[in-house]
PDB file of all heavy atoms in Angstrom:
ATOM      1  N   VAL A   1       1.093 -23.851  25.361  1.00  0.00           N
ATOM      2  CA  VAL A   1       2.133 -23.169  24.571  1.00  0.00           C
ATOM      3  C   VAL A   1       1.920 -23.401  23.080  1.00  0.00           C
ATOM      4  O   VAL A   1       2.081 -22.493  22.257  1.00  0.00           O
ATOM      5  CB  VAL A   1       3.536 -23.660  25.009  1.00  0.00           C
ATOM      6  CG1 VAL A   1       4.594 -23.186  24.026  1.00  0.00           C
ATOM      7  CG2 VAL A   1       3.851 -23.171  26.404  1.00  0.00           C
ATOM      8  N   LEU A   2       1.533 -24.616  22.713  1.00  0.00           N
ATOM      9  CA  LEU A   2       1.344 -24.936  21.295  1.00  0.00           C
ATOM     10  C   LEU A   2       0.165 -24.184  20.681  1.00  0.00           C
ATOM     11  O   LEU A   2       0.202 -23.821  19.494  1.00  0.00           O
ATOM     12  CB  LEU A   2       1.147 -26.446  21.121  1.00  0.00           C
ATOM     13  CG  LEU A   2       2.364 -27.318  21.435  1.00  0.00           C
ATOM     14  CD1 LEU A   2       2.011 -28.791  21.299  1.00  0.00           C
ATOM     15  CD2 LEU A   2       3.536 -26.973  20.524  1.00  0.00           C
ATOM     16  N   VAL A   3      -0.874 -23.946  21.473  1.00  0.00           N
ATOM     17  CA  VAL A   3      -2.059 -23.279  20.918  1.00  0.00           C
ATOM     18  C   VAL A   3      -2.052 -21.783  21.169  1.00  0.00           C
ATOM     19  O   VAL A   3      -2.883 -21.063  20.608  1.00  0.00           O
ATOM     20  CB  VAL A   3      -3.352 -23.884  21.509  1.00  0.00           C
ATOM     21  CG1 VAL A   3      -3.437 -25.360  21.212  1.00  0.00           C
ATOM     22  CG2 VAL A   3      -3.463 -23.633  23.004  1.00  0.00           C
ATOM     23  N   ALA A   4      -1.127 -21.289  22.015  1.00  0.00           N
ATOM     24  CA  ALA A   4      -1.095 -19.858  22.313  1.00  0.00           C
ATOM     25  C   ALA A   4      -0.586 -19.094  21.097  1.00  0.00           C
ATOM     26  O   ALA A   4       0.341 -19.531  20.416  1.00  0.00           O
ATOM     27  CB  ALA A   4      -0.192 -19.587  23.517  1.00  0.00           C
ATOM     28  N   PRO A   5      -1.160 -17.920  20.816  1.00  0.00           N
ATOM     29  CA  PRO A   5      -0.663 -17.114  19.692  1.00  0.00           C
ATOM     30  C   PRO A   5       0.696 -16.544  20.008  1.00  0.00           C
ATOM     31  O   PRO A   5       1.018 -16.247  21.166  1.00  0.00           O
ATOM     32  CB  PRO A   5      -1.714 -16.000  19.567  1.00  0.00           C
ATOM     33  CG  PRO A   5      -2.305 -15.896  20.934  1.00  0.00           C
ATOM     34  CD  PRO A   5      -2.292 -17.294  21.504  1.00  0.00           C
ATOM     35  N   ASP A   6       1.506 -16.417  18.983  1.00  0.00           N
ATOM     36  CA  ASP A   6       2.836 -15.836  19.136  1.00  0.00           C
ATOM     37  C   ASP A   6       2.689 -14.320  19.081  1.00  0.00           C
ATOM     38  O   ASP A   6       2.551 -13.734  18.020  1.00  0.00           O
ATOM     39  CB  ASP A   6       3.773 -16.321  18.023  1.00  0.00           C
ATOM     40  CG  ASP A   6       5.236 -15.987  18.316  1.00  0.00           C
ATOM     41  OD1 ASP A   6       5.466 -15.199  19.265  1.00  0.00           O
ATOM     42  OD2 ASP A   6       6.111 -16.479  17.609  1.00  0.00           O
ATOM     43  N   ARG A   7       2.735 -13.679  20.239  1.00  0.00           N
ATOM     44  CA  ARG A   7       2.489 -12.250  20.296  1.00  0.00           C
ATOM     45  C   ARG A   7       3.681 -11.429  19.826  1.00  0.00           C
ATOM     46  O   ARG A   7       3.604 -10.214  19.744  1.00  0.00           O
ATOM     47  CB  ARG A   7       2.114 -11.838  21.721  1.00  0.00           C
ATOM     48  CG  ARG A   7       0.901 -12.604  22.211  1.00  0.00           C
ATOM     49  CD  ARG A   7       0.406 -12.074  23.531  1.00  0.00           C
ATOM     50  NE  ARG A   7      -0.646 -12.921  24.068  1.00  0.00           N
ATOM     51  CZ  ARG A   7      -1.908 -12.886  23.702  1.00  0.00           C
ATOM     52  NH1 ARG A   7      -2.268 -12.034  22.753  1.00  0.00           N
ATOM     53  NH2 ARG A   7      -2.798 -13.688  24.243  1.00  0.00           N
ATOM     54  N   ARG A   8       4.764 -12.092  19.531  1.00  0.00           N
ATOM     55  CA  ARG A   8       5.912 -11.355  18.982  1.00  0.00           C
ATOM     56  C   ARG A   8       5.696 -10.988  17.532  1.00  0.00           C
ATOM     57  O   ARG A   8       6.347 -10.100  16.992  1.00  0.00           O
ATOM     58  CB  ARG A   8       7.182 -12.191  19.115  1.00  0.00           C
ATOM     59  CG  ARG A   8       7.624 -12.425  20.537  1.00  0.00           C
ATOM     60  CD  ARG A   8       8.727 -13.443  20.595  1.00  0.00           C
ATOM     61  NE  ARG A   8       8.268 -14.716  20.091  1.00  0.00           N
ATOM     62  CZ  ARG A   8       9.076 -15.768  19.925  1.00  0.00           C
ATOM     63  NH1 ARG A   8      10.346 -15.657  20.205  1.00  0.00           N
ATOM     64  NH2 ARG A   8       8.589 -16.906  19.484  1.00  0.00           N
ATOM     65  N   LEU A   9       4.799 -11.720  16.893  1.00  0.00           N
ATOM     66  CA  LEU A   9       4.525 -11.442  15.494  1.00  0.00           C
ATOM     67  C   LEU A   9       3.365 -10.468  15.410  1.00  0.00           C
ATOM     68  O   LEU A   9       2.234 -10.795  15.745  1.00  0.00           O
ATOM     69  CB  LEU A   9       4.180 -12.748  14.748  1.00  0.00           C
ATOM     70  CG  LEU A   9       5.273 -13.814  14.776  1.00  0.00           C
ATOM     71  CD1 LEU A   9       4.787 -15.060  14.068  1.00  0.00           C
ATOM     72  CD2 LEU A   9       6.555 -13.300  14.142  1.00  0.00           C
ATOM     73  N   ARG A  10       3.611  -9.277  15.046  1.00  0.00           N
ATOM     74  CA  ARG A  10       2.587  -8.262  14.917  1.00  0.00           C
ATOM     75  C   ARG A  10       2.124  -8.200  13.474  1.00  0.00           C
ATOM     76  O   ARG A  10       2.925  -8.300  12.537  1.00  0.00           O
ATOM     77  CB  ARG A  10       3.120  -6.888  15.340  1.00  0.00           C
ATOM     78  CG  ARG A  10       3.725  -6.896  16.731  1.00  0.00           C
ATOM     79  CD  ARG A  10       2.686  -7.231  17.770  1.00  0.00           C
ATOM     80  NE  ARG A  10       3.257  -7.174  19.112  1.00  0.00           N
ATOM     81  CZ  ARG A  10       2.609  -7.507  20.192  1.00  0.00           C
ATOM     82  NH1 ARG A  10       1.374  -7.937  20.124  1.00  0.00           N
ATOM     83  NH2 ARG A  10       3.198  -7.422  21.368  1.00  0.00           N
ATOM     84  N   ILE A  11       0.833  -7.996  13.282  1.00  0.00           N
ATOM     85  CA  ILE A  11       0.295  -7.905  11.933  1.00  0.00           C
ATOM     86  C   ILE A  11       0.636  -6.545  11.366  1.00  0.00           C
ATOM     87  O   ILE A  11       0.227  -5.508  11.894  1.00  0.00           O
ATOM     88  CB  ILE A  11      -1.227  -8.105  11.945  1.00  0.00           C
ATOM     89  CG1 ILE A  11      -1.558  -9.481  12.507  1.00  0.00           C
ATOM     90  CG2 ILE A  11      -1.810  -7.933  10.564  1.00  0.00           C
ATOM     91  CD1 ILE A  11      -3.038  -9.742  12.647  1.00  0.00           C
ATOM     92  N   ALA A  12       1.426  -6.517  10.317  1.00  0.00           N
ATOM     93  CA  ALA A  12       1.846  -5.264   9.695  1.00  0.00           C
ATOM     94  C   ALA A  12       0.674  -4.669   8.923  1.00  0.00           C
ATOM     95  O   ALA A  12      -0.143  -5.381   8.344  1.00  0.00           O
ATOM     96  CB  ALA A  12       3.026  -5.509   8.753  1.00  0.00           C
ATOM     97  N   PRO A  13       0.550  -3.318   8.909  1.00  0.00           N
ATOM     98  CA  PRO A  13      -0.545  -2.715   8.147  1.00  0.00           C
ATOM     99  C   PRO A  13      -0.392  -2.999   6.664  1.00  0.00           C
ATOM    100  O   PRO A  13       0.708  -3.019   6.118  1.00  0.00           O
ATOM    101  CB  PRO A  13      -0.396  -1.216   8.457  1.00  0.00           C
ATOM    102  CG  PRO A  13       1.026  -1.043   8.911  1.00  0.00           C
ATOM    103  CD  PRO A  13       1.390  -2.326   9.583  1.00  0.00           C
ATOM    104  N   ALA A  14      -1.519  -3.197   6.023  1.00  0.00           N
ATOM    105  CA  ALA A  14      -1.499  -3.511   4.594  1.00  0.00           C
ATOM    106  C   ALA A  14      -1.021  -2.307   3.801  1.00  0.00           C
ATOM    107  O   ALA A  14      -1.466  -1.179   4.044  1.00  0.00           O
ATOM    108  CB  ALA A  14      -2.894  -3.921   4.137  1.00  0.00           C
ATOM    109  N   PRO A  15      -0.090  -2.478   2.858  1.00  0.00           N
ATOM    110  CA  PRO A  15       0.391  -1.344   2.065  1.00  0.00           C
ATOM    111  C   PRO A  15      -0.712  -0.802   1.165  1.00  0.00           C
ATOM    112  O   PRO A  15      -1.619  -1.514   0.754  1.00  0.00           O
ATOM    113  CB  PRO A  15       1.544  -1.946   1.240  1.00  0.00           C
ATOM    114  CG  PRO A  15       1.233  -3.401   1.178  1.00  0.00           C
ATOM    115  CD  PRO A  15       0.542  -3.739   2.473  1.00  0.00           C
ATOM    116  N   ALA A  16      -0.610   0.497   0.886  1.00  0.00           N
ATOM    117  CA  ALA A  16      -1.611   1.122   0.018  1.00  0.00           C
ATOM    118  C   ALA A  16      -1.496   0.545  -1.387  1.00  0.00           C
ATOM    119  O   ALA A  16      -0.388   0.307  -1.884  1.00  0.00           O
ATOM    120  CB  ALA A  16      -1.390   2.628  -0.018  1.00  0.00           C
ATOM    121  N   PRO A  17      -2.621   0.297  -2.042  1.00  0.00           N
ATOM    122  CA  PRO A  17      -2.570  -0.269  -3.399  1.00  0.00           C
ATOM    123  C   PRO A  17      -1.914   0.688  -4.379  1.00  0.00           C
ATOM    124  O   PRO A  17      -2.118   1.905  -4.335  1.00  0.00           O
ATOM    125  CB  PRO A  17      -4.048  -0.504  -3.745  1.00  0.00           C
ATOM    126  CG  PRO A  17      -4.799   0.423  -2.843  1.00  0.00           C
ATOM    127  CD  PRO A  17      -4.006   0.525  -1.592  1.00  0.00           C
ATOM    128  N   ALA A  18      -1.068   0.123  -5.231  1.00  0.00           N
ATOM    129  CA  ALA A  18      -0.379   0.950  -6.230  1.00  0.00           C
ATOM    130  C   ALA A  18      -1.383   1.470  -7.251  1.00  0.00           C
ATOM    131  O   ALA A  18      -2.309   0.754  -7.658  1.00  0.00           O
ATOM    132  CB  ALA A  18       0.702   0.126  -6.935  1.00  0.00           C
ATOM    133  N   PRO A  19      -1.261   2.726  -7.684  1.00  0.00           N
ATOM    134  CA  PRO A  19      -2.209   3.263  -8.674  1.00  0.00           C
ATOM    135  C   PRO A  19      -2.037   2.575 -10.022  1.00  0.00           C
ATOM    136  O   PRO A  19      -0.970   2.086 -10.363  1.00  0.00           O
ATOM    137  CB  PRO A  19      -1.841   4.741  -8.745  1.00  0.00           C
ATOM    138  CG  PRO A  19      -0.412   4.796  -8.295  1.00  0.00           C
ATOM    139  CD  PRO A  19      -0.269   3.712  -7.268  1.00  0.00           C
ATOM    140  N   ALA A  20      -3.129   2.538 -10.760  1.00  0.00           N
ATOM    141  CA  ALA A  20      -3.087   1.951 -12.092  1.00  0.00           C
ATOM    142  C   ALA A  20      -2.171   2.766 -12.997  1.00  0.00           C
ATOM    143  O   ALA A  20      -2.017   3.977 -12.804  1.00  0.00           O
ATOM    144  CB  ALA A  20      -4.493   1.888 -12.690  1.00  0.00           C
ATOM    145  N   PRO A  21      -1.568   2.165 -14.022  1.00  0.00           N
ATOM    146  CA  PRO A  21      -0.650   2.911 -14.917  1.00  0.00           C
ATOM    147  C   PRO A  21      -1.321   4.096 -15.576  1.00  0.00           C
ATOM    148  O   PRO A  21      -0.727   5.181 -15.666  1.00  0.00           O
ATOM    149  CB  PRO A  21      -0.223   1.849 -15.933  1.00  0.00           C
ATOM    150  CG  PRO A  21      -0.418   0.547 -15.218  1.00  0.00           C
ATOM    151  CD  PRO A  21      -1.589   0.740 -14.336  1.00  0.00           C
ATOM    152  N   ALA A  22      -2.540   3.950 -16.045  1.00  0.00           N
ATOM    153  CA  ALA A  22      -3.217   5.059 -16.727  1.00  0.00           C
ATOM    154  C   ALA A  22      -3.475   6.196 -15.757  1.00  0.00           C
ATOM    155  O   ALA A  22      -3.284   7.377 -16.083  1.00  0.00           O
ATOM    156  CB  ALA A  22      -4.530   4.567 -17.341  1.00  0.00           C
ATOM    157  N   ALA A  23      -3.918   5.836 -14.543  1.00  0.00           N
ATOM    158  CA  ALA A  23      -4.190   6.879 -13.565  1.00  0.00           C
ATOM    159  C   ALA A  23      -2.904   7.582 -13.149  1.00  0.00           C
ATOM    160  O   ALA A  23      -2.890   8.802 -12.932  1.00  0.00           O
ATOM    161  CB  ALA A  23      -4.873   6.265 -12.341  1.00  0.00           C
ATOM    162  N   ALA A  24      -1.796   6.831 -13.024  1.00  0.00           N
ATOM    163  CA  ALA A  24      -0.522   7.442 -12.657  1.00  0.00           C
ATOM    164  C   ALA A  24      -0.044   8.400 -13.728  1.00  0.00           C
ATOM    165  O   ALA A  24       0.452   9.495 -13.443  1.00  0.00           O
ATOM    166  CB  ALA A  24       0.518   6.353 -12.420  1.00  0.00           C
ATOM    167  N   ALA A  25      -0.195   8.015 -15.010  1.00  0.00           N
ATOM    168  CA  ALA A  25       0.216   8.893 -16.108  1.00  0.00           C
ATOM    169  C   ALA A  25      -0.631  10.155 -16.120  1.00  0.00           C
ATOM    170  O   ALA A  25      -0.133  11.274 -16.343  1.00  0.00           O
ATOM    171  CB  ALA A  25       0.097   8.154 -17.435  1.00  0.00           C
ATOM    172  N   ALA A  26      -1.931  10.039 -15.922  1.00  0.00           N
ATOM    173  CA  ALA A  26      -2.806  11.206 -15.905  1.00  0.00           C
ATOM    174  C   ALA A  26      -2.446  12.134 -14.759  1.00  0.00           C
ATOM    175  O   ALA A  26      -2.462  13.367 -14.912  1.00  0.00           O
ATOM    176  CB  ALA A  26      -4.263  10.753 -15.781  1.00  0.00           C
ATOM    177  N   ALA A  27      -2.087  11.550 -13.596  1.00  0.00           N
ATOM    178  CA  ALA A  27      -1.701  12.376 -12.459  1.00  0.00           C
ATOM    179  C   ALA A  27      -0.420  13.152 -12.748  1.00  0.00           C
ATOM    180  O   ALA A  27      -0.297  14.320 -12.395  1.00  0.00           O
ATOM    181  CB  ALA A  27      -1.527  11.504 -11.225  1.00  0.00           C
ATOM    182  N   LYS A  28       0.536  12.495 -13.425  1.00  0.00           N
ATOM    183  CA  LYS A  28       1.780  13.187 -13.761  1.00  0.00           C
ATOM    184  C   LYS A  28       1.527  14.328 -14.741  1.00  0.00           C
ATOM    185  O   LYS A  28       2.090  15.415 -14.632  1.00  0.00           O
ATOM    186  CB  LYS A  28       2.777  12.191 -14.351  1.00  0.00           C
ATOM    187  CG  LYS A  28       3.338  11.206 -13.321  1.00  0.00           C
ATOM    188  CD  LYS A  28       4.359  10.273 -13.955  1.00  0.00           C
ATOM    189  CE  LYS A  28       4.925   9.295 -12.944  1.00  0.00           C
ATOM    190  NZ  LYS A  28       5.913   8.391 -13.551  1.00  0.00           N
ATOM    191  N   GLN A  29       0.674  14.090 -15.748  1.00  0.00           N
ATOM    192  CA  GLN A  29       0.349  15.146 -16.707  1.00  0.00           C
ATOM    193  C   GLN A  29      -0.335  16.321 -16.016  1.00  0.00           C
ATOM    194  O   GLN A  29      -0.055  17.492 -16.308  1.00  0.00           O
ATOM    195  CB  GLN A  29      -0.546  14.580 -17.811  1.00  0.00           C
ATOM    196  CG  GLN A  29       0.177  13.611 -18.741  1.00  0.00           C
ATOM    197  CD  GLN A  29      -0.745  13.056 -19.814  1.00  0.00           C
ATOM    198  OE1 GLN A  29      -1.927  13.387 -19.829  1.00  0.00           O
ATOM    199  NE2 GLN A  29      -0.187  12.228 -20.679  1.00  0.00           N
ATOM    200  N   GLN A  30      -1.221  16.029 -15.079  1.00  0.00           N
ATOM    201  CA  GLN A  30      -1.918  17.088 -14.370  1.00  0.00           C
ATOM    202  C   GLN A  30      -0.945  17.909 -13.529  1.00  0.00           C
ATOM    203  O   GLN A  30      -1.025  19.141 -13.488  1.00  0.00           O
ATOM    204  CB  GLN A  30      -2.993  16.479 -13.463  1.00  0.00           C
ATOM    205  CG  GLN A  30      -3.835  17.510 -12.710  1.00  0.00           C
ATOM    206  CD  GLN A  30      -4.657  18.368 -13.655  1.00  0.00           C
ATOM    207  OE1 GLN A  30      -5.086  17.893 -14.718  1.00  0.00           O
ATOM    208  NE2 GLN A  30      -4.818  19.635 -13.301  1.00  0.00           N
ATOM    209  N   ASP A  31       0.022  17.214 -12.884  1.00  0.00           N
ATOM    210  CA  ASP A  31       1.021  17.933 -12.092  1.00  0.00           C
ATOM    211  C   ASP A  31       1.886  18.812 -12.967  1.00  0.00           C
ATOM    212  O   ASP A  31       2.200  19.967 -12.621  1.00  0.00           O
ATOM    213  CB  ASP A  31       1.908  16.934 -11.338  1.00  0.00           C
ATOM    214  CG  ASP A  31       1.129  16.190 -10.269  1.00  0.00           C
ATOM    215  OD1 ASP A  31       0.056  16.689  -9.880  1.00  0.00           O
ATOM    216  OD2 ASP A  31       1.585  15.107  -9.837  1.00  0.00           O
ATOM    217  N   ALA A  32       2.278  18.285 -14.153  1.00  0.00           N
ATOM    218  CA  ALA A  32       3.088  19.086 -15.074  1.00  0.00           C
ATOM    219  C   ALA A  32       2.314  20.289 -15.570  1.00  0.00           C
ATOM    220  O   ALA A  32       2.834  21.402 -15.701  1.00  0.00           O
ATOM    221  CB  ALA A  32       3.544  18.218 -16.259  1.00  0.00           C
ATOM    222  N   PHE A  33       1.027  20.118 -15.890  1.00  0.00           N
ATOM    223  CA  PHE A  33       0.195  21.211 -16.368  1.00  0.00           C
ATOM    224  C   PHE A  33       0.053  22.291 -15.303  1.00  0.00           C
ATOM    225  O   PHE A  33       0.157  23.485 -15.576  1.00  0.00           O
ATOM    226  CB  PHE A  33      -1.179  20.661 -16.760  1.00  0.00           C
ATOM    227  CG  PHE A  33      -2.155  21.749 -17.162  1.00  0.00           C
ATOM    228  CD1 PHE A  33      -2.065  22.353 -18.405  1.00  0.00           C
ATOM    229  CD2 PHE A  33      -3.121  22.173 -16.272  1.00  0.00           C
ATOM    230  CE1 PHE A  33      -2.950  23.362 -18.746  1.00  0.00           C
ATOM    231  CE2 PHE A  33      -3.994  23.167 -16.612  1.00  0.00           C
ATOM    232  CZ  PHE A  33      -3.935  23.777 -17.853  1.00  0.00           C
ATOM    233  N   ASP A  34      -0.151  21.828 -14.033  1.00  0.00           N
ATOM    234  CA  ASP A  34      -0.285  22.806 -12.957  1.00  0.00           C
ATOM    235  C   ASP A  34       0.989  23.587 -12.759  1.00  0.00           C
ATOM    236  O   ASP A  34       0.966  24.817 -12.554  1.00  0.00           O
ATOM    237  CB  ASP A  34      -0.642  22.082 -11.651  1.00  0.00           C
ATOM    238  CG  ASP A  34      -2.030  21.471 -11.712  1.00  0.00           C
ATOM    239  OD1 ASP A  34      -2.813  21.906 -12.580  1.00  0.00           O
ATOM    240  OD2 ASP A  34      -2.316  20.556 -10.900  1.00  0.00           O
TER     241      ASP A  34
END
């Protein structure tokens, strides 16, 4: 029991990395232009 893995704890998928501020600003400008 002590060495068995706790199967109730599921590994959550890693969140997507947040975009860099410069890239986010450029994306917003491109959307506004479109």
